[in-house]
């Protein structure tokens, strides 16, 4: 029989639990703006990538296509993003709409405040080490280097 206490160090369990805490923390910060952190991240990615195929966006943000679709619906209804047919009939492309750019600009200071507060509480060195460790896990499991996410603050 396997000693159950070995599971206490399960990376998946620890990261998912912490991920849910982080999501709640950022969701609370962004709630006055009517955005969840996943939606904010989608807007931020679109601001940086420009129009992108939905499949590529799902991969970039680390969501299953169905989860991405659930997150795109409310921000598409609010006209923060536009979803248009892609190069062929089987693909769709999503792009940041002007209202989405304005919403991102409006919420960015609050996100930055929440980010700065958390980094200060955790400690800049530990926050940077955490990002490096998560990046290494991501790279190991994907088998390729991850896009630059080693910064603790977006500039």
Protein backbone atom coordinates (compact mmCIF):
# COMPACT_ATOMS: atom_id res chain seq x y z
CA UNK A 1 0.00 0.00 0.00
CA UNK A 2 1.20 3.54 -0.80
CA UNK A 3 1.51 5.91 2.13
CA UNK A 4 -1.09 8.62 1.47
CA UNK A 5 1.12 11.29 3.04
CA UNK A 6 3.29 11.11 -0.11
CA UNK A 7 0.51 12.93 -1.94
CA UNK A 8 0.97 16.06 0.20
CA UNK A 9 3.76 17.13 -2.13
CA UNK A 10 1.69 16.62 -5.29
CA UNK A 11 2.64 19.48 -7.60
CA UNK A 12 -0.72 19.39 -9.35
CA UNK A 13 -2.70 19.63 -6.11
CA UNK A 14 -0.56 22.42 -4.66
CA UNK A 15 -0.47 24.48 -7.87
CA UNK A 16 -4.22 24.12 -8.55
CA UNK A 17 -5.11 25.08 -4.98
CA UNK A 18 -2.82 28.10 -5.14
CA UNK A 19 -4.10 28.96 -8.61
CA UNK A 20 -7.67 29.10 -7.30
CA UNK A 21 -6.55 31.39 -4.44
CA UNK A 22 -4.75 33.64 -6.93
CA UNK A 23 -7.78 33.76 -9.20
CA UNK A 24 -10.00 34.81 -6.28
CA UNK A 25 -7.48 37.46 -5.24
CA UNK A 26 -7.35 39.03 -8.71
CA UNK A 27 -11.09 38.53 -9.32
CA UNK A 28 -11.79 40.49 -6.13
CA UNK A 29 -9.49 43.28 -7.32
CA UNK A 30 -11.14 43.47 -10.75
CA UNK A 31 -14.75 42.93 -9.65
CA UNK A 32 -15.56 46.68 -9.58
CA UNK A 33 -14.69 46.76 -13.29
CA UNK A 34 -16.90 43.81 -14.21
CA UNK A 35 -14.01 41.57 -15.27
CA UNK A 36 -12.59 38.31 -14.00
CA UNK A 37 -8.84 37.79 -14.11
CA UNK A 38 -9.12 35.25 -16.93
CA UNK A 39 -11.01 37.79 -19.03
CA UNK A 40 -8.51 40.51 -18.15
CA UNK A 41 -5.67 38.21 -19.21
CA UNK A 42 -7.40 37.50 -22.52
CA UNK A 43 -7.74 41.23 -23.19
CA UNK A 44 -4.09 41.80 -22.23
CA UNK A 45 -2.90 38.99 -24.52
CA UNK A 46 -4.99 40.32 -27.42
CA UNK A 47 -3.57 43.81 -26.87
CA UNK A 48 -0.09 42.31 -27.29
CA UNK A 49 -0.71 39.77 -30.07
CA UNK A 50 -3.28 41.49 -32.21
CA UNK A 51 -5.84 39.28 -33.97
CA UNK A 52 -5.20 35.60 -33.23
CA UNK A 53 -6.85 32.31 -34.08
CA UNK A 54 -8.98 31.00 -31.23
CA UNK A 55 -6.99 27.75 -31.09
CA UNK A 56 -3.72 29.69 -30.81
CA UNK A 57 -5.22 31.96 -28.13
CA UNK A 58 -6.41 28.94 -26.13
CA UNK A 59 -2.91 27.49 -26.27
CA UNK A 60 -1.31 30.81 -25.36
CA UNK A 61 -3.46 31.37 -22.27
CA UNK A 62 -3.41 27.69 -21.29
CA UNK A 63 -7.13 27.03 -21.55
CA UNK A 64 -9.08 24.30 -23.27
CA UNK A 65 -11.04 25.68 -26.23
CA UNK A 66 -14.34 25.13 -24.36
CA UNK A 67 -13.07 27.07 -21.31
CA UNK A 68 -11.83 29.84 -23.58
CA UNK A 69 -15.24 29.96 -25.28
CA UNK A 70 -16.92 30.36 -21.86
CA UNK A 71 -14.58 33.25 -21.06
CA UNK A 72 -14.96 34.89 -24.47
CA UNK A 73 -18.79 34.93 -24.44
CA UNK A 74 -19.27 37.62 -21.77
CA UNK A 75 -16.52 39.86 -23.13
CA UNK A 76 -17.84 39.42 -26.67
CA UNK A 77 -21.36 40.37 -25.45
CA UNK A 78 -19.87 43.52 -23.92
CA UNK A 79 -18.14 44.13 -27.27
CA UNK A 80 -14.66 44.03 -25.72
CA UNK A 81 -13.59 41.45 -28.34
CA UNK A 82 -14.69 40.63 -31.85
CA UNK A 83 -14.79 37.09 -33.18
CA UNK A 84 -14.64 36.80 -36.95
CA UNK A 85 -14.19 33.97 -39.46
CA UNK A 86 -10.56 33.01 -39.97
CA UNK A 87 -8.69 32.32 -43.18
CA UNK A 88 -10.88 29.31 -43.84
CA UNK A 89 -14.37 28.35 -42.69
CA UNK A 90 -13.05 26.02 -40.01
CA UNK A 91 -11.21 28.70 -38.02
CA UNK A 92 -12.22 31.81 -36.15
CA UNK A 93 -10.09 34.76 -35.15
CA UNK A 94 -10.52 36.92 -32.08
CA UNK A 95 -9.34 40.48 -31.79
CA UNK A 96 -9.47 43.21 -29.20
CA UNK A 97 -12.25 45.70 -29.94
CA UNK A 98 -11.80 49.38 -29.15
CA UNK A 99 -14.15 49.04 -26.14
CA UNK A 100 -11.94 46.19 -24.91
CA UNK A 101 -8.85 48.35 -25.24
CA UNK A 102 -10.55 51.06 -23.20
CA UNK A 103 -11.63 48.51 -20.56
CA UNK A 104 -8.09 47.14 -20.37
CA UNK A 105 -6.68 50.66 -19.97
CA UNK A 106 -9.27 51.36 -17.25
CA UNK A 107 -8.53 48.16 -15.28
CA UNK A 108 -4.75 48.03 -15.75
CA UNK A 109 -3.97 50.36 -12.80
CA UNK A 110 -6.09 48.21 -10.45
CA UNK A 111 -4.43 45.03 -11.72
CA UNK A 112 -1.03 46.66 -11.25
CA UNK A 113 -1.94 47.68 -7.71
CA UNK A 114 -3.04 44.11 -6.86
CA UNK A 115 0.07 42.67 -8.54
CA UNK A 116 2.41 45.04 -6.72
CA UNK A 117 0.76 44.37 -3.36
CA UNK A 118 1.02 40.60 -3.79
CA UNK A 119 4.64 40.74 -5.01
CA UNK A 120 5.52 42.91 -2.00
CA UNK A 121 3.84 40.47 0.40
CA UNK A 122 5.48 37.41 -1.16
CA UNK A 123 8.77 39.20 -1.70
CA UNK A 124 10.19 40.19 -5.08
CA UNK A 125 12.86 37.47 -5.04
CA UNK A 126 10.37 34.74 -4.13
CA UNK A 127 7.87 36.00 -6.72
CA UNK A 128 10.60 35.91 -9.39
CA UNK A 129 11.68 32.44 -8.26
CA UNK A 130 8.06 31.28 -8.44
CA UNK A 131 7.72 32.53 -12.00
CA UNK A 132 10.97 30.79 -12.97
CA UNK A 133 9.83 27.53 -11.37
CA UNK A 134 6.40 27.64 -13.01
CA UNK A 135 8.07 28.48 -16.33
CA UNK A 136 10.37 25.48 -15.96
CA UNK A 137 7.43 23.16 -15.23
CA UNK A 138 5.59 24.59 -18.26
CA UNK A 139 8.65 24.18 -20.48
CA UNK A 140 9.26 20.65 -19.23
CA UNK A 141 5.70 19.53 -19.89
CA UNK A 142 5.36 21.29 -23.23
CA UNK A 143 8.84 20.40 -24.36
CA UNK A 144 9.55 23.94 -25.54
CA UNK A 145 10.52 27.27 -24.02
CA UNK A 146 7.64 29.40 -22.79
CA UNK A 147 6.98 32.93 -23.99
CA UNK A 148 8.69 35.49 -21.77
CA UNK A 149 6.83 35.55 -18.45
CA UNK A 150 9.76 36.00 -16.13
CA UNK A 151 8.74 39.49 -15.08
CA UNK A 152 6.84 40.00 -11.86
CA UNK A 153 5.32 43.21 -13.18
CA UNK A 154 4.14 44.00 -16.63
CA UNK A 155 5.67 47.09 -18.20
